[in-house]
Amino acid sequence: MDKVGKKRPRFSYTRQQLKELEEHFLVNPYLTKSPMAQLSVKLNIPESQVKIWFQNRRMREKKKPGIFGR
């Protein structure tokens, strides 16, 4: 049986989790395995979600218009 059409439900973060993730992102937008695991345990969310959040956040940062715009 194939997995076509089977989507994972959307993950929701609490305000506190988002605050912590943003604080870590501002210090270092690229987490290594060890800090990612620590953050995952601290926030009580899967490592995969921490990884995805950082990937998405880097893309949002990249898409922001720079000082000269686009």
PDB file of N, CA and C in Angstrom:
ATOM      1  N   MET A   1       0.840  -1.185   0.000  1.00  0.00           N
ATOM      2  CA  MET A   1       0.000   0.000   0.000  1.00  0.00           C
ATOM      3  C   MET A   1       0.884   1.247   0.000  1.00  0.00           C
ATOM      4  N   ASP A   2       0.629   2.164  -0.918  1.00  0.00           N
ATOM      5  CA  ASP A   2       1.457   3.366  -0.991  1.00  0.00           C
ATOM      6  C   ASP A   2       0.924   4.457  -0.061  1.00  0.00           C
ATOM      7  N   LYS A   3       1.740   5.495   0.126  1.00  0.00           N
ATOM      8  CA  LYS A   3       1.400   6.558   1.069  1.00  0.00           C
ATOM      9  C   LYS A   3       0.871   7.810   0.380  1.00  0.00           C
ATOM     10  N   VAL A   4       0.387   7.678  -0.838  1.00  0.00           N
ATOM     11  CA  VAL A   4      -0.127   8.829  -1.565  1.00  0.00           C
ATOM     12  C   VAL A   4      -1.350   9.378  -0.835  1.00  0.00           C
ATOM     13  N   GLY A   5      -1.368  10.683  -0.633  1.00  0.00           N
ATOM     14  CA  GLY A   5      -2.510  11.315   0.005  1.00  0.00           C
ATOM     15  C   GLY A   5      -2.494  11.283   1.522  1.00  0.00           C
ATOM     16  N   LYS A   6      -1.482  10.682   2.115  1.00  0.00           N
ATOM     17  CA  LYS A   6      -1.397  10.620   3.575  1.00  0.00           C
ATOM     18  C   LYS A   6      -0.482  11.739   4.056  1.00  0.00           C
ATOM     19  N   LYS A   7      -1.101  12.797   4.594  1.00  0.00           N
ATOM     20  CA  LYS A   7      -0.328  13.920   5.112  1.00  0.00           C
ATOM     21  C   LYS A   7      -0.250  13.835   6.622  1.00  0.00           C
ATOM     22  N   ARG A   8       0.882  14.245   7.126  1.00  0.00           N
ATOM     23  CA  ARG A   8       1.052  14.334   8.561  1.00  0.00           C
ATOM     24  C   ARG A   8       0.298  15.569   9.049  1.00  0.00           C
ATOM     25  N   PRO A   9      -0.346  15.504  10.208  1.00  0.00           N
ATOM     26  CA  PRO A   9      -1.066  16.691  10.696  1.00  0.00           C
ATOM     27  C   PRO A   9      -0.102  17.840  10.994  1.00  0.00           C
ATOM     28  N   ARG A  10      -0.581  19.047  10.839  1.00  0.00           N
ATOM     29  CA  ARG A  10       0.229  20.239  11.073  1.00  0.00           C
ATOM     30  C   ARG A  10       0.620  20.313  12.546  1.00  0.00           C
ATOM     31  N   PHE A  11       1.885  20.656  12.794  1.00  0.00           N
ATOM     32  CA  PHE A  11       2.399  20.740  14.155  1.00  0.00           C
ATOM     33  C   PHE A  11       2.229  22.161  14.673  1.00  0.00           C
ATOM     34  N   SER A  12       1.692  22.305  15.872  1.00  0.00           N
ATOM     35  CA  SER A  12       1.508  23.627  16.475  1.00  0.00           C
ATOM     36  C   SER A  12       2.489  23.813  17.626  1.00  0.00           C
ATOM     37  N   TYR A  13       3.136  24.969  17.654  1.00  0.00           N
ATOM     38  CA  TYR A  13       4.077  25.299  18.714  1.00  0.00           C
ATOM     39  C   TYR A  13       3.403  26.233  19.708  1.00  0.00           C
ATOM     40  N   THR A  14       3.785  26.111  20.976  1.00  0.00           N
ATOM     41  CA  THR A  14       3.274  27.043  21.976  1.00  0.00           C
ATOM     42  C   THR A  14       4.070  28.346  21.868  1.00  0.00           C
ATOM     43  N   ARG A  15       3.568  29.393  22.483  1.00  0.00           N
ATOM     44  CA  ARG A  15       4.294  30.675  22.477  1.00  0.00           C
ATOM     45  C   ARG A  15       5.672  30.523  23.105  1.00  0.00           C
ATOM     46  N   GLN A  16       5.741  29.760  24.188  1.00  0.00           N
ATOM     47  CA  GLN A  16       7.019  29.556  24.878  1.00  0.00           C
ATOM     48  C   GLN A  16       8.007  28.800  23.982  1.00  0.00           C
ATOM     49  N   GLN A  17       7.528  27.786  23.282  1.00  0.00           N
ATOM     50  CA  GLN A  17       8.397  27.033  22.377  1.00  0.00           C
ATOM     51  C   GLN A  17       8.915  27.940  21.270  1.00  0.00           C
ATOM     52  N   LEU A  18       8.036  28.759  20.692  1.00  0.00           N
ATOM     53  CA  LEU A  18       8.452  29.679  19.628  1.00  0.00           C
ATOM     54  C   LEU A  18       9.473  30.685  20.139  1.00  0.00           C
ATOM     55  N   LYS A  19       9.262  31.178  21.348  1.00  0.00           N
ATOM     56  CA  LYS A  19      10.197  32.135  21.950  1.00  0.00           C
ATOM     57  C   LYS A  19      11.585  31.505  22.080  1.00  0.00           C
ATOM     58  N   GLU A  20      11.632  30.289  22.603  1.00  0.00           N
ATOM     59  CA  GLU A  20      12.907  29.576  22.768  1.00  0.00           C
ATOM     60  C   GLU A  20      13.569  29.305  21.413  1.00  0.00           C
ATOM     61  N   LEU A  21      12.786  28.844  20.445  1.00  0.00           N
ATOM     62  CA  LEU A  21      13.331  28.559  19.118  1.00  0.00           C
ATOM     63  C   LEU A  21      13.905  29.828  18.492  1.00  0.00           C
ATOM     64  N   GLU A  22      13.178  30.939  18.584  1.00  0.00           N
ATOM     65  CA  GLU A  22      13.652  32.215  18.027  1.00  0.00           C
ATOM     66  C   GLU A  22      14.938  32.668  18.706  1.00  0.00           C
ATOM     67  N   GLU A  23      15.002  32.542  20.030  1.00  0.00           N
ATOM     68  CA  GLU A  23      16.206  32.944  20.764  1.00  0.00           C
ATOM     69  C   GLU A  23      17.414  32.139  20.301  1.00  0.00           C
ATOM     70  N   HIS A  24      17.236  30.841  20.138  1.00  0.00           N
ATOM     71  CA  HIS A  24      18.339  30.003  19.666  1.00  0.00           C
ATOM     72  C   HIS A  24      18.707  30.346  18.225  1.00  0.00           C
ATOM     73  N   PHE A  25      17.705  30.635  17.417  1.00  0.00           N
ATOM     74  CA  PHE A  25      17.951  30.975  16.013  1.00  0.00           C
ATOM     75  C   PHE A  25      18.784  32.251  15.898  1.00  0.00           C
ATOM     76  N   LEU A  26      18.484  33.243  16.730  1.00  0.00           N
ATOM     77  CA  LEU A  26      19.217  34.508  16.677  1.00  0.00           C
ATOM     78  C   LEU A  26      20.684  34.325  17.053  1.00  0.00           C
ATOM     79  N   VAL A  27      20.965  33.375  17.928  1.00  0.00           N
ATOM     80  CA  VAL A  27      22.347  33.086  18.315  1.00  0.00           C
ATOM     81  C   VAL A  27      23.046  32.306  17.212  1.00  0.00           C
ATOM     82  N   ASN A  28      22.360  31.291  16.689  1.00  0.00           N
ATOM     83  CA  ASN A  28      22.950  30.451  15.643  1.00  0.00           C
ATOM     84  C   ASN A  28      21.837  29.830  14.801  1.00  0.00           C
ATOM     85  N   PRO A  29      21.701  30.262  13.540  1.00  0.00           N
ATOM     86  CA  PRO A  29      20.640  29.721  12.689  1.00  0.00           C
ATOM     87  C   PRO A  29      20.885  28.275  12.222  1.00  0.00           C
ATOM     88  N   TYR A  30      22.078  27.741  12.489  1.00  0.00           N
ATOM     89  CA  TYR A  30      22.389  26.367  12.090  1.00  0.00           C
ATOM     90  C   TYR A  30      22.717  25.549  13.332  1.00  0.00           C
ATOM     91  N   LEU A  31      21.778  24.709  13.754  1.00  0.00           N
ATOM     92  CA  LEU A  31      21.999  23.868  14.931  1.00  0.00           C
ATOM     93  C   LEU A  31      22.688  22.575  14.539  1.00  0.00           C
ATOM     94  N   THR A  32      23.621  22.140  15.386  1.00  0.00           N
ATOM     95  CA  THR A  32      24.218  20.820  15.200  1.00  0.00           C
ATOM     96  C   THR A  32      23.379  19.803  15.974  1.00  0.00           C
ATOM     97  N   LYS A  33      23.719  18.548  15.834  1.00  0.00           N
ATOM     98  CA  LYS A  33      22.921  17.457  16.403  1.00  0.00           C
ATOM     99  C   LYS A  33      22.745  17.574  17.923  1.00  0.00           C
ATOM    100  N   SER A  34      23.821  17.847  18.645  1.00  0.00           N
ATOM    101  CA  SER A  34      23.752  17.890  20.106  1.00  0.00           C
ATOM    102  C   SER A  34      22.843  19.010  20.630  1.00  0.00           C
ATOM    103  N   PRO A  35      23.042  20.270  20.201  1.00  0.00           N
ATOM    104  CA  PRO A  35      22.129  21.323  20.663  1.00  0.00           C
ATOM    105  C   PRO A  35      20.685  21.083  20.214  1.00  0.00           C
ATOM    106  N   MET A  36      20.523  20.468  19.054  1.00  0.00           N
ATOM    107  CA  MET A  36      19.179  20.172  18.562  1.00  0.00           C
ATOM    108  C   MET A  36      18.491  19.173  19.502  1.00  0.00           C
ATOM    109  N   ALA A  37      19.225  18.173  19.932  1.00  0.00           N
ATOM    110  CA  ALA A  37      18.677  17.168  20.846  1.00  0.00           C
ATOM    111  C   ALA A  37      18.335  17.803  22.194  1.00  0.00           C
ATOM    112  N   GLN A  38      19.216  18.671  22.684  1.00  0.00           N
ATOM    113  CA  GLN A  38      18.971  19.341  23.968  1.00  0.00           C
ATOM    114  C   GLN A  38      17.732  20.224  23.893  1.00  0.00           C
ATOM    115  N   LEU A  39      17.606  20.967  22.809  1.00  0.00           N
ATOM    116  CA  LEU A  39      16.456  21.851  22.627  1.00  0.00           C
ATOM    117  C   LEU A  39      15.167  21.033  22.511  1.00  0.00           C
ATOM    118  N   SER A  40      15.261  19.928  21.830  1.00  0.00           N
ATOM    119  CA  SER A  40      14.116  19.036  21.671  1.00  0.00           C
ATOM    120  C   SER A  40      13.611  18.542  23.027  1.00  0.00           C
ATOM    121  N   VAL A  41      14.529  18.123  23.874  1.00  0.00           N
ATOM    122  CA  VAL A  41      14.164  17.636  25.204  1.00  0.00           C
ATOM    123  C   VAL A  41      13.599  18.780  26.045  1.00  0.00           C
ATOM    124  N   LYS A  42      14.268  19.928  25.998  1.00  0.00           N
ATOM    125  CA  LYS A  42      13.835  21.085  26.791  1.00  0.00           C
ATOM    126  C   LYS A  42      12.418  21.525  26.418  1.00  0.00           C
ATOM    127  N   LEU A  43      12.115  21.527  25.113  1.00  0.00           N
ATOM    128  CA  LEU A  43      10.817  22.005  24.639  1.00  0.00           C
ATOM    129  C   LEU A  43       9.772  20.895  24.539  1.00  0.00           C
ATOM    130  N   ASN A  44      10.225  19.658  24.744  1.00  0.00           N
ATOM    131  CA  ASN A  44       9.331  18.501  24.680  1.00  0.00           C
ATOM    132  C   ASN A  44       8.669  18.354  23.304  1.00  0.00           C
ATOM    133  N   ILE A  45       9.488  18.504  22.257  1.00  0.00           N
ATOM    134  CA  ILE A  45       9.023  18.287  20.884  1.00  0.00           C
ATOM    135  C   ILE A  45      10.042  17.398  20.171  1.00  0.00           C
ATOM    136  N   PRO A  46       9.637  16.669  19.149  1.00  0.00           N
ATOM    137  CA  PRO A  46      10.568  15.780  18.441  1.00  0.00           C
ATOM    138  C   PRO A  46      11.702  16.558  17.770  1.00  0.00           C
ATOM    139  N   GLU A  47      12.878  15.924  17.715  1.00  0.00           N
ATOM    140  CA  GLU A  47      14.035  16.545  17.054  1.00  0.00           C
ATOM    141  C   GLU A  47      13.702  16.914  15.616  1.00  0.00           C
ATOM    142  N   SER A  48      12.925  16.061  14.961  1.00  0.00           N
ATOM    143  CA  SER A  48      12.580  16.327  13.561  1.00  0.00           C
ATOM    144  C   SER A  48      11.831  17.657  13.431  1.00  0.00           C
ATOM    145  N   GLN A  49      10.981  17.984  14.412  1.00  0.00           N
ATOM    146  CA  GLN A  49      10.240  19.248  14.365  1.00  0.00           C
ATOM    147  C   GLN A  49      11.162  20.438  14.603  1.00  0.00           C
ATOM    148  N   VAL A  50      12.153  20.263  15.469  1.00  0.00           N
ATOM    149  CA  VAL A  50      13.133  21.333  15.703  1.00  0.00           C
ATOM    150  C   VAL A  50      13.897  21.585  14.407  1.00  0.00           C
ATOM    151  N   LYS A  51      14.330  20.503  13.773  1.00  0.00           N
ATOM    152  CA  LYS A  51      15.078  20.600  12.519  1.00  0.00           C
ATOM    153  C   LYS A  51      14.245  21.305  11.445  1.00  0.00           C
ATOM    154  N   ILE A  52      12.998  20.897  11.292  1.00  0.00           N
ATOM    155  CA  ILE A  52      12.114  21.490  10.286  1.00  0.00           C
ATOM    156  C   ILE A  52      11.862  22.961  10.590  1.00  0.00           C
ATOM    157  N   TRP A  53      11.662  23.288  11.880  1.00  0.00           N
ATOM    158  CA  TRP A  53      11.425  24.688  12.245  1.00  0.00           C
ATOM    159  C   TRP A  53      12.619  25.548  11.832  1.00  0.00           C
ATOM    160  N   PHE A  54      13.836  25.077  12.116  1.00  0.00           N
ATOM    161  CA  PHE A  54      15.037  25.833  11.752  1.00  0.00           C
ATOM    162  C   PHE A  54      15.171  25.955  10.235  1.00  0.00           C
ATOM    163  N   GLN A  55      14.874  24.904   9.498  1.00  0.00           N
ATOM    164  CA  GLN A  55      14.931  24.970   8.031  1.00  0.00           C
ATOM    165  C   GLN A  55      13.951  26.009   7.509  1.00  0.00           C
ATOM    166  N   ASN A  56      12.715  25.952   8.003  1.00  0.00           N
ATOM    167  CA  ASN A  56      11.696  26.903   7.555  1.00  0.00           C
ATOM    168  C   ASN A  56      12.052  28.330   7.947  1.00  0.00           C
ATOM    169  N   ARG A  57      12.604  28.497   9.131  1.00  0.00           N
ATOM    170  CA  ARG A  57      12.961  29.838   9.614  1.00  0.00           C
ATOM    171  C   ARG A  57      14.092  30.428   8.774  1.00  0.00           C
ATOM    172  N   ARG A  58      15.056  29.600   8.377  1.00  0.00           N
ATOM    173  CA  ARG A  58      16.145  30.084   7.510  1.00  0.00           C
ATOM    174  C   ARG A  58      15.594  30.510   6.154  1.00  0.00           C
ATOM    175  N   MET A  59      14.627  29.769   5.630  1.00  0.00           N
ATOM    176  CA  MET A  59      14.019  30.139   4.348  1.00  0.00           C
ATOM    177  C   MET A  59      13.251  31.452   4.463  1.00  0.00           C
ATOM    178  N   ARG A  60      12.536  31.630   5.575  1.00  0.00           N
ATOM    179  CA  ARG A  60      11.821  32.903   5.789  1.00  0.00           C
ATOM    180  C   ARG A  60      12.805  34.062   5.839  1.00  0.00           C
ATOM    181  N   GLU A  61      13.939  33.852   6.495  1.00  0.00           N
ATOM    182  CA  GLU A  61      14.969  34.887   6.610  1.00  0.00           C
ATOM    183  C   GLU A  61      15.547  35.209   5.231  1.00  0.00           C
ATOM    184  N   LYS A  62      15.752  34.179   4.446  1.00  0.00           N
ATOM    185  CA  LYS A  62      16.319  34.330   3.110  1.00  0.00           C
ATOM    186  C   LYS A  62      15.378  35.109   2.186  1.00  0.00           C
ATOM    187  N   LYS A  63      14.071  34.899   2.361  1.00  0.00           N
ATOM    188  CA  LYS A  63      13.078  35.548   1.501  1.00  0.00           C
ATOM    189  C   LYS A  63      12.815  37.000   1.879  1.00  0.00           C
ATOM    190  N   LYS A  64      13.237  37.410   3.091  1.00  0.00           N
ATOM    191  CA  LYS A  64      13.031  38.798   3.513  1.00  0.00           C
ATOM    192  C   LYS A  64      13.771  39.722   2.568  1.00  0.00           C
ATOM    193  N   PRO A  65      13.128  40.831   2.172  1.00  0.00           N
ATOM    194  CA  PRO A  65      13.858  41.775   1.328  1.00  0.00           C
ATOM    195  C   PRO A  65      15.025  42.379   2.105  1.00  0.00           C
ATOM    196  N   GLY A  66      16.142  42.503   1.428  1.00  0.00           N
ATOM    197  CA  GLY A  66      17.332  43.065   2.056  1.00  0.00           C
ATOM    198  C   GLY A  66      17.254  44.574   2.156  1.00  0.00           C
ATOM    199  N   ILE A  67      18.361  45.185   2.472  1.00  0.00           N
ATOM    200  CA  ILE A  67      18.416  46.635   2.645  1.00  0.00           C
ATOM    201  C   ILE A  67      18.071  47.362   1.342  1.00  0.00           C
ATOM    202  N   PHE A  68      18.360  46.729   0.206  1.00  0.00           N
ATOM    203  CA  PHE A  68      18.098  47.356  -1.089  1.00  0.00           C
ATOM    204  C   PHE A  68      16.806  46.859  -1.733  1.00  0.00           C
ATOM    205  N   GLY A  69      16.109  45.986  -1.048  1.00  0.00           N
ATOM    206  CA  GLY A  69      14.870  45.446  -1.610  1.00  0.00           C
ATOM    207  C   GLY A  69      15.160  44.439  -2.704  1.00  0.00           C
ATOM    208  N   ARG A  70      14.119  44.085  -3.453  1.00  0.00           N
ATOM    209  CA  ARG A  70      14.316  43.118  -4.557  1.00  0.00           C
ATOM    210  C   ARG A  70      13.896  43.705  -5.860  1.00  0.00           C
TER     211      ARG A  70
END
